């Protein structure tokens, strides 16, 4: 059973941190690229919904294991034409058939899943041939001094942020999961603490 912190405090903290203007601008760089039948991993608070183009997207199916976050997803702003289906589920064990989605969207999610490699393997499994993984994630910084602080702070950071990791690699993990990286970019997100600011985003296709 979720603790009182997980039920009442954590969703508010995540809503504040994950919906800051700099973070929302990062989401807006990748989410509008989704097409066809879309699966969003860790749909959480529904912060991406406003950025989907209903003229390009057939439907959006979102999975998240937290009932408190799923409830917020259903009330998040979105185009009324957007067909939305929110499911209880974990990214590491998706309840969908092979090759059933045109796009998989993963934003600020790989930091908190239990096993990123399993989540990425599942994303690869459910993508149709020619489908795309669209990602925008924070993770291990390339600068040694910042990475050192990430490692120092991560144990307590995870406890306060629902299991969010600071030191997980992004692009290399996606490539190791059987994807070919396409257009990619990276930077430190402005107005964000450096330990959580390194951001990589782009698209990848199954090998």
C-alpha atoms as a PDB file:
ATOM      1  CA  UNK A   1       0.000   0.000   0.000  1.00  0.00           C
ATOM      2  CA  UNK A   2       1.298   3.464  -0.887  1.00  0.00           C
ATOM      3  CA  UNK A   3       2.424   5.668   1.983  1.00  0.00           C
ATOM      4  CA  UNK A   4       0.759   8.975   2.804  1.00  0.00           C
ATOM      5  CA  UNK A   5       3.784  10.701   1.284  1.00  0.00           C
ATOM      6  CA  UNK A   6       3.386   8.777  -1.999  1.00  0.00           C
ATOM      7  CA  UNK A   7      -0.358   9.399  -2.101  1.00  0.00           C
ATOM      8  CA  UNK A   8      -0.566  13.085  -1.243  1.00  0.00           C
ATOM      9  CA  UNK A   9       2.803  14.836  -1.189  1.00  0.00           C
ATOM     10  CA  UNK A  10       4.733  13.153  -4.015  1.00  0.00           C
ATOM     11  CA  UNK A  11       2.133  13.879  -6.757  1.00  0.00           C
ATOM     12  CA  UNK A  12       2.204  17.580  -5.848  1.00  0.00           C
ATOM     13  CA  UNK A  13       5.981  17.643  -5.811  1.00  0.00           C
ATOM     14  CA  UNK A  14       6.181  15.921  -9.188  1.00  0.00           C
ATOM     15  CA  UNK A  15       3.535  18.231 -10.640  1.00  0.00           C
ATOM     16  CA  UNK A  16       5.607  21.230  -9.644  1.00  0.00           C
ATOM     17  CA  UNK A  17       8.985  19.856 -10.740  1.00  0.00           C
ATOM     18  CA  UNK A  18       7.868  18.207 -13.980  1.00  0.00           C
ATOM     19  CA  UNK A  19       5.715  21.075 -15.218  1.00  0.00           C
ATOM     20  CA  UNK A  20       8.238  23.897 -14.891  1.00  0.00           C
ATOM     21  CA  UNK A  21       8.465  26.093 -17.973  1.00  0.00           C
ATOM     22  CA  UNK A  22      11.920  24.803 -19.041  1.00  0.00           C
ATOM     23  CA  UNK A  23      10.814  21.167 -18.697  1.00  0.00           C
ATOM     24  CA  UNK A  24       7.590  21.785 -20.593  1.00  0.00           C
ATOM     25  CA  UNK A  25       9.585  23.349 -23.424  1.00  0.00           C
ATOM     26  CA  UNK A  26      11.621  20.154 -23.611  1.00  0.00           C
ATOM     27  CA  UNK A  27       8.449  18.069 -23.833  1.00  0.00           C
ATOM     28  CA  UNK A  28       7.204  20.281 -26.636  1.00  0.00           C
ATOM     29  CA  UNK A  29      10.317  19.510 -28.691  1.00  0.00           C
ATOM     30  CA  UNK A  30       9.534  15.790 -28.956  1.00  0.00           C
ATOM     31  CA  UNK A  31       5.860  14.961 -28.268  1.00  0.00           C
ATOM     32  CA  UNK A  32       4.394  16.653 -31.407  1.00  0.00           C
ATOM     33  CA  UNK A  33       6.464  14.271 -33.537  1.00  0.00           C
ATOM     34  CA  UNK A  34       4.276  11.326 -32.509  1.00  0.00           C
ATOM     35  CA  UNK A  35       2.080   9.812 -35.204  1.00  0.00           C
ATOM     36  CA  UNK A  36      -0.486   7.055 -35.584  1.00  0.00           C
ATOM     37  CA  UNK A  37      -1.326   4.859 -32.619  1.00  0.00           C
ATOM     38  CA  UNK A  38       0.777   6.132 -29.708  1.00  0.00           C
ATOM     39  CA  UNK A  39       1.867   4.472 -26.483  1.00  0.00           C
ATOM     40  CA  UNK A  40       3.156   6.724 -23.710  1.00  0.00           C
ATOM     41  CA  UNK A  41       5.246   5.101 -20.997  1.00  0.00           C
ATOM     42  CA  UNK A  42       4.752   6.515 -17.507  1.00  0.00           C
ATOM     43  CA  UNK A  43       2.023   8.892 -18.604  1.00  0.00           C
ATOM     44  CA  UNK A  44       1.833  10.062 -14.998  1.00  0.00           C
ATOM     45  CA  UNK A  45       0.307  13.519 -14.685  1.00  0.00           C
ATOM     46  CA  UNK A  46      -0.645  13.778 -18.358  1.00  0.00           C
ATOM     47  CA  UNK A  47       1.723  16.690 -18.926  1.00  0.00           C
ATOM     48  CA  UNK A  48       2.388  15.651 -22.541  1.00  0.00           C
ATOM     49  CA  UNK A  49      -1.244  15.469 -23.606  1.00  0.00           C
ATOM     50  CA  UNK A  50      -1.502  19.106 -24.633  1.00  0.00           C
ATOM     51  CA  UNK A  51       1.331  18.626 -27.145  1.00  0.00           C
ATOM     52  CA  UNK A  52      -0.114  15.758 -29.198  1.00  0.00           C
ATOM     53  CA  UNK A  53      -1.438  16.736 -32.628  1.00  0.00           C
ATOM     54  CA  UNK A  54      -4.831  15.031 -33.095  1.00  0.00           C
ATOM     55  CA  UNK A  55      -4.489  15.466 -36.854  1.00  0.00           C
ATOM     56  CA  UNK A  56      -1.425  13.189 -36.790  1.00  0.00           C
ATOM     57  CA  UNK A  57      -2.287  10.891 -33.882  1.00  0.00           C
ATOM     58  CA  UNK A  58      -4.953   8.176 -34.043  1.00  0.00           C
ATOM     59  CA  UNK A  59      -5.017   7.575 -30.293  1.00  0.00           C
ATOM     60  CA  UNK A  60      -2.852   7.820 -27.188  1.00  0.00           C
ATOM     61  CA  UNK A  61      -2.644   4.892 -24.792  1.00  0.00           C
ATOM     62  CA  UNK A  62      -0.843   5.652 -21.548  1.00  0.00           C
ATOM     63  CA  UNK A  63       0.425   3.290 -18.857  1.00  0.00           C
ATOM     64  CA  UNK A  64       1.398   4.158 -15.305  1.00  0.00           C
ATOM     65  CA  UNK A  65       1.536   2.045 -12.133  1.00  0.00           C
ATOM     66  CA  UNK A  66       0.461   4.872  -9.775  1.00  0.00           C
ATOM     67  CA  UNK A  67      -3.326   5.326  -9.372  1.00  0.00           C
ATOM     68  CA  UNK A  68      -2.876   8.838  -7.969  1.00  0.00           C
ATOM     69  CA  UNK A  69      -1.024   9.909 -11.100  1.00  0.00           C
ATOM     70  CA  UNK A  70      -3.382   8.138 -13.498  1.00  0.00           C
ATOM     71  CA  UNK A  71      -6.297  10.025 -11.958  1.00  0.00           C
ATOM     72  CA  UNK A  72      -4.578  13.311 -12.718  1.00  0.00           C
ATOM     73  CA  UNK A  73      -3.909  12.229 -16.288  1.00  0.00           C
ATOM     74  CA  UNK A  74      -7.628  12.012 -16.995  1.00  0.00           C
ATOM     75  CA  UNK A  75      -8.150  15.672 -16.072  1.00  0.00           C
ATOM     76  CA  UNK A  76      -5.026  17.046 -17.772  1.00  0.00           C
ATOM     77  CA  UNK A  77      -5.535  19.613 -20.564  1.00  0.00           C
ATOM     78  CA  UNK A  78      -5.754  18.131 -24.049  1.00  0.00           C
ATOM     79  CA  UNK A  79      -7.427  18.665 -27.390  1.00  0.00           C
ATOM     80  CA  UNK A  80     -10.975  17.275 -27.111  1.00  0.00           C
ATOM     81  CA  UNK A  81     -10.416  15.351 -30.334  1.00  0.00           C
ATOM     82  CA  UNK A  82      -7.594  13.329 -28.806  1.00  0.00           C
ATOM     83  CA  UNK A  83      -8.633   9.718 -28.108  1.00  0.00           C
ATOM     84  CA  UNK A  84      -7.128   8.748 -24.753  1.00  0.00           C
ATOM     85  CA  UNK A  85      -6.906   5.397 -22.971  1.00  0.00           C
ATOM     86  CA  UNK A  86      -5.103   5.247 -19.590  1.00  0.00           C
ATOM     87  CA  UNK A  87      -4.111   1.837 -18.207  1.00  0.00           C
ATOM     88  CA  UNK A  88      -2.622   0.492 -15.008  1.00  0.00           C
ATOM     89  CA  UNK A  89       0.697  -1.020 -16.001  1.00  0.00           C
ATOM     90  CA  UNK A  90       4.470  -1.006 -15.755  1.00  0.00           C
ATOM     91  CA  UNK A  91       6.793  -0.151 -18.624  1.00  0.00           C
ATOM     92  CA  UNK A  92       8.733  -3.368 -18.003  1.00  0.00           C
ATOM     93  CA  UNK A  93       5.702  -5.604 -18.685  1.00  0.00           C
ATOM     94  CA  UNK A  94       3.380  -3.957 -21.176  1.00  0.00           C
ATOM     95  CA  UNK A  95      -0.051  -5.566 -21.638  1.00  0.00           C
ATOM     96  CA  UNK A  96      -0.030  -5.133 -25.429  1.00  0.00           C
ATOM     97  CA  UNK A  97       0.618  -7.330 -28.437  1.00  0.00           C
ATOM     98  CA  UNK A  98       3.820  -7.226 -30.443  1.00  0.00           C
ATOM     99  CA  UNK A  99       4.095  -4.588 -33.157  1.00  0.00           C
ATOM    100  CA  UNK A 100       0.929  -2.724 -32.161  1.00  0.00           C
ATOM    101  CA  UNK A 101       2.038   0.932 -31.945  1.00  0.00           C
ATOM    102  CA  UNK A 102       3.407   3.433 -34.444  1.00  0.00           C
ATOM    103  CA  UNK A 103       5.072   5.617 -31.809  1.00  0.00           C
ATOM    104  CA  UNK A 104       6.259   5.075 -28.240  1.00  0.00           C
ATOM    105  CA  UNK A 105       6.742   8.266 -26.236  1.00  0.00           C
ATOM    106  CA  UNK A 106       8.998   8.213 -23.176  1.00  0.00           C
ATOM    107  CA  UNK A 107       9.620  11.502 -21.359  1.00  0.00           C
ATOM    108  CA  UNK A 108      11.247  11.789 -17.928  1.00  0.00           C
ATOM    109  CA  UNK A 109      10.342   8.152 -17.255  1.00  0.00           C
ATOM    110  CA  UNK A 110      13.489   6.026 -17.641  1.00  0.00           C
ATOM    111  CA  UNK A 111      14.872   7.684 -14.518  1.00  0.00           C
ATOM    112  CA  UNK A 112      12.239   6.048 -12.331  1.00  0.00           C
ATOM    113  CA  UNK A 113      11.354   2.683 -13.879  1.00  0.00           C
ATOM    114  CA  UNK A 114      12.737  -0.311 -11.982  1.00  0.00           C
ATOM    115  CA  UNK A 115      14.655  -1.749 -14.949  1.00  0.00           C
ATOM    116  CA  UNK A 116      15.309   0.613 -17.887  1.00  0.00           C
ATOM    117  CA  UNK A 117      16.636  -2.176 -20.129  1.00  0.00           C
ATOM    118  CA  UNK A 118      13.415  -4.150 -19.681  1.00  0.00           C
ATOM    119  CA  UNK A 119      11.273  -1.081 -20.337  1.00  0.00           C
ATOM    120  CA  UNK A 120      13.176  -0.321 -23.529  1.00  0.00           C
ATOM    121  CA  UNK A 121      12.955  -3.949 -24.640  1.00  0.00           C
ATOM    122  CA  UNK A 122       9.186  -3.781 -24.196  1.00  0.00           C
ATOM    123  CA  UNK A 123       9.028  -0.527 -26.157  1.00  0.00           C
ATOM    124  CA  UNK A 124      10.930  -2.201 -28.973  1.00  0.00           C
ATOM    125  CA  UNK A 125       8.605  -5.214 -28.846  1.00  0.00           C
ATOM    126  CA  UNK A 126       5.373  -3.238 -29.200  1.00  0.00           C
ATOM    127  CA  UNK A 127       6.597  -0.931 -31.968  1.00  0.00           C
ATOM    128  CA  UNK A 128       5.498  -1.683 -35.504  1.00  0.00           C
ATOM    129  CA  UNK A 129       8.190  -2.084 -38.171  1.00  0.00           C
ATOM    130  CA  UNK A 130       9.309   1.434 -38.978  1.00  0.00           C
ATOM    131  CA  UNK A 131       7.847   2.769 -35.736  1.00  0.00           C
ATOM    132  CA  UNK A 132       9.720   5.273 -33.596  1.00  0.00           C
ATOM    133  CA  UNK A 133      10.699   5.681 -29.975  1.00  0.00           C
ATOM    134  CA  UNK A 134      10.478   9.383 -29.115  1.00  0.00           C
ATOM    135  CA  UNK A 135      12.320  10.198 -25.915  1.00  0.00           C
ATOM    136  CA  UNK A 136      13.267  13.120 -23.704  1.00  0.00           C
ATOM    137  CA  UNK A 137      15.064  12.062 -20.534  1.00  0.00           C
ATOM    138  CA  UNK A 138      17.337  13.410 -17.826  1.00  0.00           C
ATOM    139  CA  UNK A 139      20.283  11.387 -16.641  1.00  0.00           C
ATOM    140  CA  UNK A 140      24.005  11.046 -16.088  1.00  0.00           C
ATOM    141  CA  UNK A 141      25.808  14.306 -16.836  1.00  0.00           C
ATOM    142  CA  UNK A 142      28.871  14.256 -19.123  1.00  0.00           C
ATOM    143  CA  UNK A 143      30.831  16.553 -16.807  1.00  0.00           C
ATOM    144  CA  UNK A 144      32.760  14.698 -14.138  1.00  0.00           C
ATOM    145  CA  UNK A 145      32.223  17.146 -11.281  1.00  0.00           C
ATOM    146  CA  UNK A 146      28.466  17.210 -11.795  1.00  0.00           C
ATOM    147  CA  UNK A 147      28.320  13.423 -12.189  1.00  0.00           C
ATOM    148  CA  UNK A 148      30.180  13.076  -8.889  1.00  0.00           C
ATOM    149  CA  UNK A 149      27.536  15.167  -7.119  1.00  0.00           C
ATOM    150  CA  UNK A 150      24.801  13.175  -8.827  1.00  0.00           C
ATOM    151  CA  UNK A 151      26.207   9.964  -7.343  1.00  0.00           C
ATOM    152  CA  UNK A 152      26.520  11.519  -3.900  1.00  0.00           C
ATOM    153  CA  UNK A 153      22.995  12.873  -3.797  1.00  0.00           C
ATOM    154  CA  UNK A 154      21.175  10.072  -5.599  1.00  0.00           C
ATOM    155  CA  UNK A 155      20.417   7.832  -2.561  1.00  0.00           C
ATOM    156  CA  UNK A 156      18.402  10.501  -0.750  1.00  0.00           C
ATOM    157  CA  UNK A 157      17.075  11.970  -4.013  1.00  0.00           C
ATOM    158  CA  UNK A 158      15.453   8.631  -4.879  1.00  0.00           C
ATOM    159  CA  UNK A 159      13.630   8.519  -1.555  1.00  0.00           C
ATOM    160  CA  UNK A 160      12.157  11.987  -2.026  1.00  0.00           C
ATOM    161  CA  UNK A 161      11.215  11.699  -5.700  1.00  0.00           C
ATOM    162  CA  UNK A 162       9.497   8.344  -6.030  1.00  0.00           C
ATOM    163  CA  UNK A 163      12.552   6.392  -7.157  1.00  0.00           C
ATOM    164  CA  UNK A 164      13.978   8.904  -9.634  1.00  0.00           C
ATOM    165  CA  UNK A 165      17.637   8.163 -10.471  1.00  0.00           C
ATOM    166  CA  UNK A 166      20.137  10.866 -11.400  1.00  0.00           C
ATOM    167  CA  UNK A 167      22.906   8.719 -12.883  1.00  0.00           C
ATOM    168  CA  UNK A 168      21.277   6.568 -15.538  1.00  0.00           C
ATOM    169  CA  UNK A 169      22.728   6.846 -19.054  1.00  0.00           C
ATOM    170  CA  UNK A 170      20.271   7.721 -21.797  1.00  0.00           C
ATOM    171  CA  UNK A 171      21.422   7.458 -25.405  1.00  0.00           C
ATOM    172  CA  UNK A 172      23.780   4.554 -24.788  1.00  0.00           C
ATOM    173  CA  UNK A 173      21.052   2.632 -22.931  1.00  0.00           C
ATOM    174  CA  UNK A 174      18.620   3.115 -25.809  1.00  0.00           C
ATOM    175  CA  UNK A 175      21.205   1.936 -28.338  1.00  0.00           C
ATOM    176  CA  UNK A 176      22.066  -1.086 -26.164  1.00  0.00           C
ATOM    177  CA  UNK A 177      18.373  -2.047 -26.127  1.00  0.00           C
ATOM    178  CA  UNK A 178      18.368  -2.629 -29.881  1.00  0.00           C
ATOM    179  CA  UNK A 179      17.547   0.805 -31.271  1.00  0.00           C
ATOM    180  CA  UNK A 180      19.269   2.890 -33.892  1.00  0.00           C
ATOM    181  CA  UNK A 181      19.504   6.497 -32.787  1.00  0.00           C
ATOM    182  CA  UNK A 182      18.287   9.050 -35.292  1.00  0.00           C
ATOM    183  CA  UNK A 183      18.118  12.803 -34.759  1.00  0.00           C
ATOM    184  CA  UNK A 184      19.276  13.569 -31.206  1.00  0.00           C
ATOM    185  CA  UNK A 185      20.182  16.579 -29.101  1.00  0.00           C
ATOM    186  CA  UNK A 186      21.275  17.334 -25.551  1.00  0.00           C
ATOM    187  CA  UNK A 187      21.865  20.173 -23.107  1.00  0.00           C
ATOM    188  CA  UNK A 188      21.571  21.259 -19.512  1.00  0.00           C
ATOM    189  CA  UNK A 189      17.995  22.452 -19.049  1.00  0.00           C
ATOM    190  CA  UNK A 190      18.075  26.089 -17.886  1.00  0.00           C
ATOM    191  CA  UNK A 191      16.751  27.176 -14.507  1.00  0.00           C
ATOM    192  CA  UNK A 192      17.080  23.604 -13.243  1.00  0.00           C
ATOM    193  CA  UNK A 193      19.519  22.285 -10.595  1.00  0.00           C
ATOM    194  CA  UNK A 194      22.550  20.974 -12.485  1.00  0.00           C
ATOM    195  CA  UNK A 195      22.339  17.555 -10.816  1.00  0.00           C
ATOM    196  CA  UNK A 196      18.975  17.007 -12.559  1.00  0.00           C
ATOM    197  CA  UNK A 197      19.425  19.230 -15.598  1.00  0.00           C
ATOM    198  CA  UNK A 198      21.285  17.046 -18.125  1.00  0.00           C
ATOM    199  CA  UNK A 199      18.719  16.251 -20.818  1.00  0.00           C
ATOM    200  CA  UNK A 200      18.919  14.141 -23.977  1.00  0.00           C
ATOM    201  CA  UNK A 201      16.107  13.909 -26.505  1.00  0.00           C
ATOM    202  CA  UNK A 202      15.519  12.508 -29.937  1.00  0.00           C
ATOM    203  CA  UNK A 203      14.100   9.567 -31.841  1.00  0.00           C
ATOM    204  CA  UNK A 204      15.174   5.978 -32.348  1.00  0.00           C
ATOM    205  CA  UNK A 205      14.007   3.059 -34.444  1.00  0.00           C
ATOM    206  CA  UNK A 206      14.239  -0.667 -33.707  1.00  0.00           C
ATOM    207  CA  UNK A 207      17.176  -2.378 -35.353  1.00  0.00           C
END
